[in-house]
């Protein structure tokens, strides 16, 4: 996906969540367990990150599409969001701290020239 990427491996996912990176969803292979998985599960719960458990066949298909050069995911893959979202109240508050307090909300702009004209 254009605005998303995947990471895999127990330590990589634990560190991503723990450091505040934008993890959108975590995928687990059915039956995967251990201390690191429990720690990730608890961090996901604390941060409101959904966890999806796939059967081994479905997880292996995801793993083959995500992992490079035959690497293994250790039974866990995280979907990262590369764009940051915020709610309207936060957006208004942030815009008020700027020198030029202009906030424009657009919907269904299909012609990039229209967007350029509005920005000017």
Protein backbone atom coordinates (compact mmCIF):
# COMPACT_ATOMS: atom_id res chain seq x y z
CA UNK A 1 0.00 0.00 0.00
CA UNK A 2 1.15 3.49 -0.76
CA UNK A 3 0.98 5.02 2.72
CA UNK A 4 1.82 1.89 4.69
CA UNK A 5 4.76 -0.45 5.23
CA UNK A 6 5.44 -3.62 7.17
CA UNK A 7 8.03 -4.56 9.77
CA UNK A 8 8.56 -8.00 11.21
CA UNK A 9 10.36 -9.76 14.01
CA UNK A 10 9.65 -9.70 17.71
CA UNK A 11 12.33 -7.20 18.74
CA UNK A 12 11.70 -4.84 15.82
CA UNK A 13 7.97 -4.67 16.53
CA UNK A 14 8.44 -4.32 20.29
CA UNK A 15 10.86 -1.43 19.79
CA UNK A 16 8.62 0.26 17.20
CA UNK A 17 5.61 0.23 19.50
CA UNK A 18 7.64 1.13 22.58
CA UNK A 19 9.24 4.12 20.84
CA UNK A 20 5.88 5.53 19.72
CA UNK A 21 6.06 4.70 16.02
CA UNK A 22 2.68 4.60 14.26
CA UNK A 23 1.79 0.91 14.24
CA UNK A 24 -1.62 0.45 12.61
CA UNK A 25 -2.10 -3.29 13.20
CA UNK A 26 -0.20 -6.38 14.34
CA UNK A 27 -0.61 -9.77 12.69
CA UNK A 28 0.17 -12.97 14.63
CA UNK A 29 0.51 -16.50 13.38
CA UNK A 30 -1.86 -18.81 15.24
CA UNK A 31 -0.11 -20.54 18.15
CA UNK A 32 2.80 -18.11 18.45
CA UNK A 33 3.64 -17.45 22.08
CA UNK A 34 6.42 -16.51 24.45
CA UNK A 35 7.58 -13.64 26.61
CA UNK A 36 8.24 -11.27 23.72
CA UNK A 37 4.81 -11.97 22.20
CA UNK A 38 3.15 -11.33 25.58
CA UNK A 39 5.04 -8.04 25.94
CA UNK A 40 3.98 -6.95 22.44
CA UNK A 41 0.40 -8.00 23.14
CA UNK A 42 0.37 -5.87 26.32
CA UNK A 43 1.86 -2.86 24.50
CA UNK A 44 -0.74 -3.20 21.75
CA UNK A 45 -3.54 -3.35 24.28
CA UNK A 46 -2.16 -0.31 26.13
CA UNK A 47 -1.82 1.69 22.88
CA UNK A 48 -5.07 0.60 21.24
CA UNK A 49 -3.34 -1.25 18.40
CA UNK A 50 -5.50 -4.02 16.90
CA UNK A 51 -4.08 -7.55 16.85
CA UNK A 52 -5.19 -10.01 14.18
CA UNK A 53 -4.44 -13.73 14.47
CA UNK A 54 -4.19 -15.62 11.17
CA UNK A 55 -4.11 -19.34 10.64
CA UNK A 56 -0.71 -20.61 9.52
CA UNK A 57 -1.61 -20.75 5.81
CA UNK A 58 -2.89 -17.17 5.67
CA UNK A 59 -0.02 -15.90 7.81
CA UNK A 60 2.56 -17.67 5.62
CA UNK A 61 1.07 -15.97 2.55
CA UNK A 62 1.42 -12.58 4.26
CA UNK A 63 4.94 -13.46 5.40
CA UNK A 64 6.03 -14.36 1.85
CA UNK A 65 4.71 -11.05 0.53
CA UNK A 66 6.35 -8.99 3.30
CA UNK A 67 9.66 -10.65 4.15
CA UNK A 68 12.54 -10.31 1.73
CA UNK A 69 15.09 -12.90 0.62
CA UNK A 70 13.44 -15.78 2.49
CA UNK A 71 13.70 -14.09 5.90
CA UNK A 72 11.29 -15.21 8.61
CA UNK A 73 9.00 -13.01 10.67
CA UNK A 74 9.17 -14.99 13.93
CA UNK A 75 5.38 -15.32 13.66
CA UNK A 76 4.64 -11.60 13.96
CA UNK A 77 4.24 -8.79 11.41
CA UNK A 78 3.23 -5.18 12.03
CA UNK A 79 1.54 -2.87 9.58
CA UNK A 80 2.98 0.63 9.93
CA UNK A 81 1.18 3.80 8.92
CA UNK A 82 3.51 6.23 7.21
CA UNK A 83 1.10 9.13 7.52
CA UNK A 84 0.08 10.76 10.76
CA UNK A 85 -3.54 11.42 11.51
CA UNK A 86 -5.13 13.63 14.14
CA UNK A 87 -8.61 14.62 15.09
CA UNK A 88 -10.16 17.96 14.12
CA UNK A 89 -9.72 19.53 17.56
CA UNK A 90 -5.98 18.81 17.52
CA UNK A 91 -5.67 20.14 13.97
CA UNK A 92 -7.39 23.41 14.96
CA UNK A 93 -5.23 23.72 18.07
CA UNK A 94 -2.04 23.14 16.05
CA UNK A 95 -3.09 25.65 13.40
CA UNK A 96 -3.57 28.30 16.10
CA UNK A 97 0.12 28.06 17.03
CA UNK A 98 1.24 28.97 13.50
CA UNK A 99 2.18 32.42 12.28
CA UNK A 100 -0.34 32.24 9.41
CA UNK A 101 -3.54 30.86 10.90
CA UNK A 102 -5.16 29.40 7.79
CA UNK A 103 -6.87 26.05 7.80
CA UNK A 104 -8.54 24.77 4.63
CA UNK A 105 -10.66 21.61 4.54
CA UNK A 106 -11.19 20.04 1.11
CA UNK A 107 -13.11 17.02 -0.06
CA UNK A 108 -13.23 15.26 -3.43
CA UNK A 109 -10.64 17.42 -5.19
CA UNK A 110 -9.95 15.58 -8.43
CA UNK A 111 -7.96 18.16 -10.37
CA UNK A 112 -4.55 19.01 -8.88
CA UNK A 113 -4.73 22.44 -10.56
CA UNK A 114 -7.77 23.26 -8.42
CA UNK A 115 -5.77 22.40 -5.30
CA UNK A 116 -2.93 24.64 -6.48
CA UNK A 117 -5.34 27.51 -7.13
CA UNK A 118 -6.85 27.15 -3.66
CA UNK A 119 -3.39 27.07 -2.06
CA UNK A 120 -2.34 30.26 -3.83
